[in-house]
Amino acid sequence: MKLTVNDFRQHLKEQIEFLQLSAESYDHGYTAEGKRLAVIIRVLVHHTKHSHSLLSSLNRSSIDFYDSAYKFNSKNLLPHMGLMAIQQKSGQGAYSKYIPLIESPNDTPRLKKRSFKSWWSKQIVLEDSNKNSFTRKDLVLGLSNKDGGAHVDPKLSDKYASLFRHNSLGWHFNDGVNKSLIAGVELAAVRQIVHEVLVTLNDEFPNLF
């Protein structure tokens, strides 16, 4: 049976609902939900010879996407965090953690649109202290294809392992006694990408929201 446009639109509506529900779960503290969010983004936008994206099935694969990232500056000596910030709490229960920019609205750049190709696979949204750079595609597929979203790869590449496991951004939490890495930068980045995707889809398919 060949699916109709209405079938694909129903699938899109379901995927939007999945994004909203998983994003809400992430926002309530279950940050591992970022892996599930990455899988949904992959379903929506990642198109290959062997796997059709849902947007391509709706003939909407070339729409422009909203970009909320800080601009990458190759001359900056510090790691680049284009989609997330670090939130700190001092005193009792002190912590430091990565948060998506939507949780730090005073620091969020204005949304602007760019072509899908630039948004997905050209724009650098993160660069670590080893000068490994990551696009949205790198982060989403790294989580979904390699690190437990839809598949667990028995061996991560050095690039992904450095970021996902070994704190290659270099930021630590120090309470004056103990020093520990701040984990979850890739999850916070994907949560911010979800924000961009939802705003974009709301523009393109307002009746599905």
Protein backbone atom coordinates (compact mmCIF):
# COMPACT_ATOMS: atom_id res chain seq x y z
CA MET A 1 0.00 0.00 0.00
CA LYS A 2 1.34 3.39 -0.97
CA LEU A 3 0.97 6.04 1.70
CA THR A 4 -0.91 9.23 0.85
CA VAL A 5 -0.07 12.83 1.75
CA ASN A 6 -2.66 12.61 4.50
CA ASP A 7 -0.91 9.54 5.89
CA PHE A 8 2.40 11.39 5.97
CA ARG A 9 0.78 14.40 7.61
CA GLN A 10 -0.63 12.14 10.30
CA HIS A 11 2.83 10.69 10.87
CA LEU A 12 4.19 14.22 11.12
CA LYS A 13 1.56 15.16 13.67
CA GLU A 14 2.54 12.13 15.75
CA GLN A 15 6.25 12.95 15.53
CA ILE A 16 5.56 16.53 16.63
CA GLU A 17 3.66 15.18 19.62
CA PHE A 18 6.55 12.82 20.40
CA LEU A 19 8.93 15.80 20.33
CA GLN A 20 6.72 17.83 22.62
CA LEU A 21 6.27 15.02 25.15
CA SER A 22 9.94 14.04 25.21
CA ALA A 23 11.00 17.70 25.43
CA GLU A 24 8.69 18.16 28.40
CA SER A 25 10.23 15.10 30.06
CA TYR A 26 13.73 16.50 29.44
CA ASP A 27 12.69 19.86 30.91
CA HIS A 28 11.47 18.11 34.05
CA GLY A 29 14.91 16.69 34.69
CA TYR A 30 15.09 13.44 32.74
CA THR A 31 17.91 14.61 30.50
CA ALA A 32 18.55 11.15 28.98
CA GLU A 33 15.39 11.88 27.00
CA GLY A 34 17.74 13.81 24.73
CA LYS A 35 18.64 10.51 23.08
CA ARG A 36 15.01 9.88 22.14
CA LEU A 37 14.70 13.45 20.89
CA ALA A 38 17.67 12.85 18.59
CA VAL A 39 15.93 9.83 17.04
CA ILE A 40 12.79 11.86 16.32
CA ILE A 41 14.82 14.63 14.67
CA ARG A 42 16.54 12.00 12.53
CA VAL A 43 13.16 10.64 11.40
CA LEU A 44 12.00 14.13 10.47
CA VAL A 45 14.98 15.53 8.57
CA HIS A 46 17.75 13.02 7.84
CA HIS A 47 17.48 11.87 4.23
CA THR A 48 19.74 9.31 2.55
CA LYS A 49 19.59 6.91 -0.41
CA HIS A 50 18.32 4.21 1.92
CA SER A 51 16.19 6.22 4.34
CA HIS A 52 13.66 8.90 3.43
CA SER A 53 13.06 11.70 5.88
CA LEU A 54 9.46 12.42 6.75
CA LEU A 55 9.76 15.99 5.49
CA SER A 56 11.06 14.75 2.14
CA SER A 57 8.02 12.47 1.85
CA LEU A 58 5.92 15.61 2.21
CA ASN A 59 8.05 17.47 -0.37
CA ARG A 60 9.18 19.90 2.33
CA SER A 61 12.81 18.88 2.71
CA SER A 62 14.11 22.21 1.43
CA ILE A 63 12.35 24.49 3.91
CA ASP A 64 14.47 26.98 5.85
CA PHE A 65 15.03 26.25 9.53
CA TYR A 66 15.22 28.60 12.46
CA ASP A 67 18.71 29.04 13.87
CA SER A 68 19.16 30.05 17.51
CA ALA A 69 22.90 29.40 17.80
CA TYR A 70 25.63 31.84 18.64
CA LYS A 71 27.88 32.50 15.67
CA PHE A 72 31.05 30.42 15.55
CA ASN A 73 34.32 32.36 15.71
CA SER A 74 37.30 30.27 14.63
CA LYS A 75 39.68 32.75 16.32
CA ASN A 76 38.15 32.17 19.75
CA LEU A 77 40.57 30.29 21.98
CA LEU A 78 37.81 28.92 24.21
CA PRO A 79 35.50 26.05 23.24
CA HIS A 80 32.43 27.15 21.30
CA MET A 81 29.02 26.38 22.79
CA GLY A 82 26.55 27.70 20.26
CA LEU A 83 23.39 26.03 21.54
CA MET A 84 23.82 25.76 25.29
CA ALA A 85 25.01 27.57 28.41
CA ILE A 86 26.30 26.54 31.82
CA GLN A 87 24.02 27.03 34.80
CA GLN A 88 25.62 27.21 38.23
CA LYS A 89 24.22 27.08 41.75
CA SER A 90 26.33 27.85 44.79
CA GLY A 91 25.78 27.08 48.44
CA GLN A 92 23.92 24.01 49.67
CA GLY A 93 23.19 21.65 46.80
CA ALA A 94 25.69 23.45 44.56
CA TYR A 95 26.00 22.25 40.99
CA SER A 96 26.99 23.19 37.46
CA LYS A 97 25.19 21.81 34.44
CA TYR A 98 24.69 22.41 30.74
CA ILE A 99 21.33 23.85 29.79
CA PRO A 100 19.78 24.61 26.38
CA LEU A 101 19.61 28.31 25.57
CA ILE A 102 15.82 28.31 25.91
CA GLU A 103 16.38 27.87 29.66
CA SER A 104 18.54 31.00 29.65
CA PRO A 105 16.34 33.33 27.57
CA ASN A 106 18.31 36.49 28.37
CA ASP A 107 21.29 34.93 26.60
CA THR A 108 19.44 33.51 23.60
CA PRO A 109 20.29 35.05 20.21
CA ARG A 110 17.40 36.15 18.04
CA LEU A 111 15.99 33.42 15.85
CA LYS A 112 16.89 33.72 12.20
CA LYS A 113 16.29 31.39 9.28
CA ARG A 114 18.91 29.64 7.18
CA SER A 115 18.81 26.97 4.50
CA PHE A 116 18.34 23.41 5.69
CA LYS A 117 21.72 22.29 4.35
CA SER A 118 23.51 25.08 6.17
CA TRP A 119 21.49 24.56 9.35
CA TRP A 120 21.89 20.78 9.40
CA SER A 121 25.34 19.95 8.13
CA LYS A 122 27.41 23.10 7.55
CA GLN A 123 27.05 25.37 10.55
CA ILE A 124 29.43 24.63 13.44
CA VAL A 125 27.42 24.74 16.67
CA LEU A 126 30.03 23.26 19.01
CA GLU A 127 33.82 23.06 19.07
CA ASP A 128 35.71 21.39 21.90
CA SER A 129 39.10 22.18 23.41
CA ASN A 130 40.72 19.74 20.94
CA LYS A 131 39.32 21.75 18.02
CA ASN A 132 36.89 18.97 17.10
CA SER A 133 33.88 20.69 15.53
CA PHE A 134 30.29 19.47 15.48
CA THR A 135 27.28 20.36 13.36
CA ARG A 136 23.68 19.66 14.32
CA LYS A 137 23.86 16.58 12.09
CA ASP A 138 26.95 15.33 13.97
CA LEU A 139 25.28 15.68 17.34
CA VAL A 140 21.91 14.23 16.36
CA LEU A 141 23.30 11.23 14.48
CA GLY A 142 25.96 10.66 17.12
CA LEU A 143 23.29 10.29 19.77
CA SER A 144 20.73 8.42 17.69
CA ASN A 145 23.01 6.09 15.73
CA LYS A 146 25.89 5.48 18.11
CA ASP A 147 25.05 6.28 21.70
CA GLY A 148 21.76 4.71 22.60
CA GLY A 149 19.02 6.58 20.77
CA ALA A 150 18.14 3.92 18.21
CA HIS A 151 21.40 2.00 18.28
CA VAL A 152 24.34 1.41 20.61
CA ASP A 153 27.63 1.29 18.75
CA PRO A 154 30.13 -0.95 20.58
CA LYS A 155 32.86 1.60 19.88
CA LEU A 156 32.55 5.38 19.69
CA SER A 157 34.95 7.29 17.46
CA ASP A 158 37.59 9.35 19.26
CA LYS A 159 35.72 12.53 18.38
CA TYR A 160 32.44 11.40 19.89
CA ALA A 161 34.03 9.64 22.85
CA SER A 162 36.00 12.77 23.73
CA LEU A 163 32.84 14.86 23.80
CA PHE A 164 30.28 12.40 25.14
CA ARG A 165 32.49 10.64 27.70
CA HIS A 166 35.67 12.57 28.46
CA ASN A 167 34.60 16.20 28.82
CA SER A 168 36.55 17.52 25.87
CA LEU A 169 34.95 20.94 26.35
CA GLY A 170 37.10 21.16 29.45
CA TRP A 171 34.57 22.68 31.87
CA HIS A 172 34.44 21.29 35.41
CA PHE A 173 32.37 21.75 38.54
CA ASN A 174 34.43 22.59 41.61
CA ASP A 175 32.78 22.94 45.02
CA GLY A 176 36.06 23.80 46.73
CA VAL A 177 36.64 20.22 47.78
CA ASN A 178 35.92 18.02 44.78
CA LYS A 179 36.31 18.61 41.06
CA SER A 180 34.15 16.76 38.52
CA LEU A 181 33.33 17.01 34.84
CA ILE A 182 30.09 18.60 33.71
CA ALA A 183 28.29 15.98 31.63
CA GLY A 184 25.48 16.13 29.09
CA VAL A 185 26.52 18.86 26.69
CA GLU A 186 25.27 16.84 23.71
CA LEU A 187 21.88 16.32 25.37
CA ALA A 188 21.44 20.02 26.09
CA ALA A 189 22.43 20.84 22.50
CA VAL A 190 19.85 18.42 21.08
CA ARG A 191 17.17 19.89 23.34
CA GLN A 192 17.91 23.31 21.84
CA ILE A 193 17.77 21.84 18.32
CA VAL A 194 14.31 20.49 19.17
CA HIS A 195 13.24 24.03 20.03
CA GLU A 196 14.39 25.17 16.58
CA VAL A 197 12.62 22.27 14.86
CA LEU A 198 9.33 22.89 16.65
CA VAL A 199 9.34 26.61 15.88
CA THR A 200 10.13 25.83 12.24
CA LEU A 201 7.40 23.21 11.91
CA ASN A 202 4.89 25.49 13.59
CA ASP A 203 5.56 27.98 10.80
CA GLU A 204 5.19 25.37 8.07
CA PHE A 205 2.36 23.23 9.51
CA PRO A 206 0.47 25.43 11.99
CA ASN A 207 -2.67 23.30 11.82
CA LEU A 208 -0.75 20.31 13.23
CA PHE A 209 -0.06 22.08 16.52
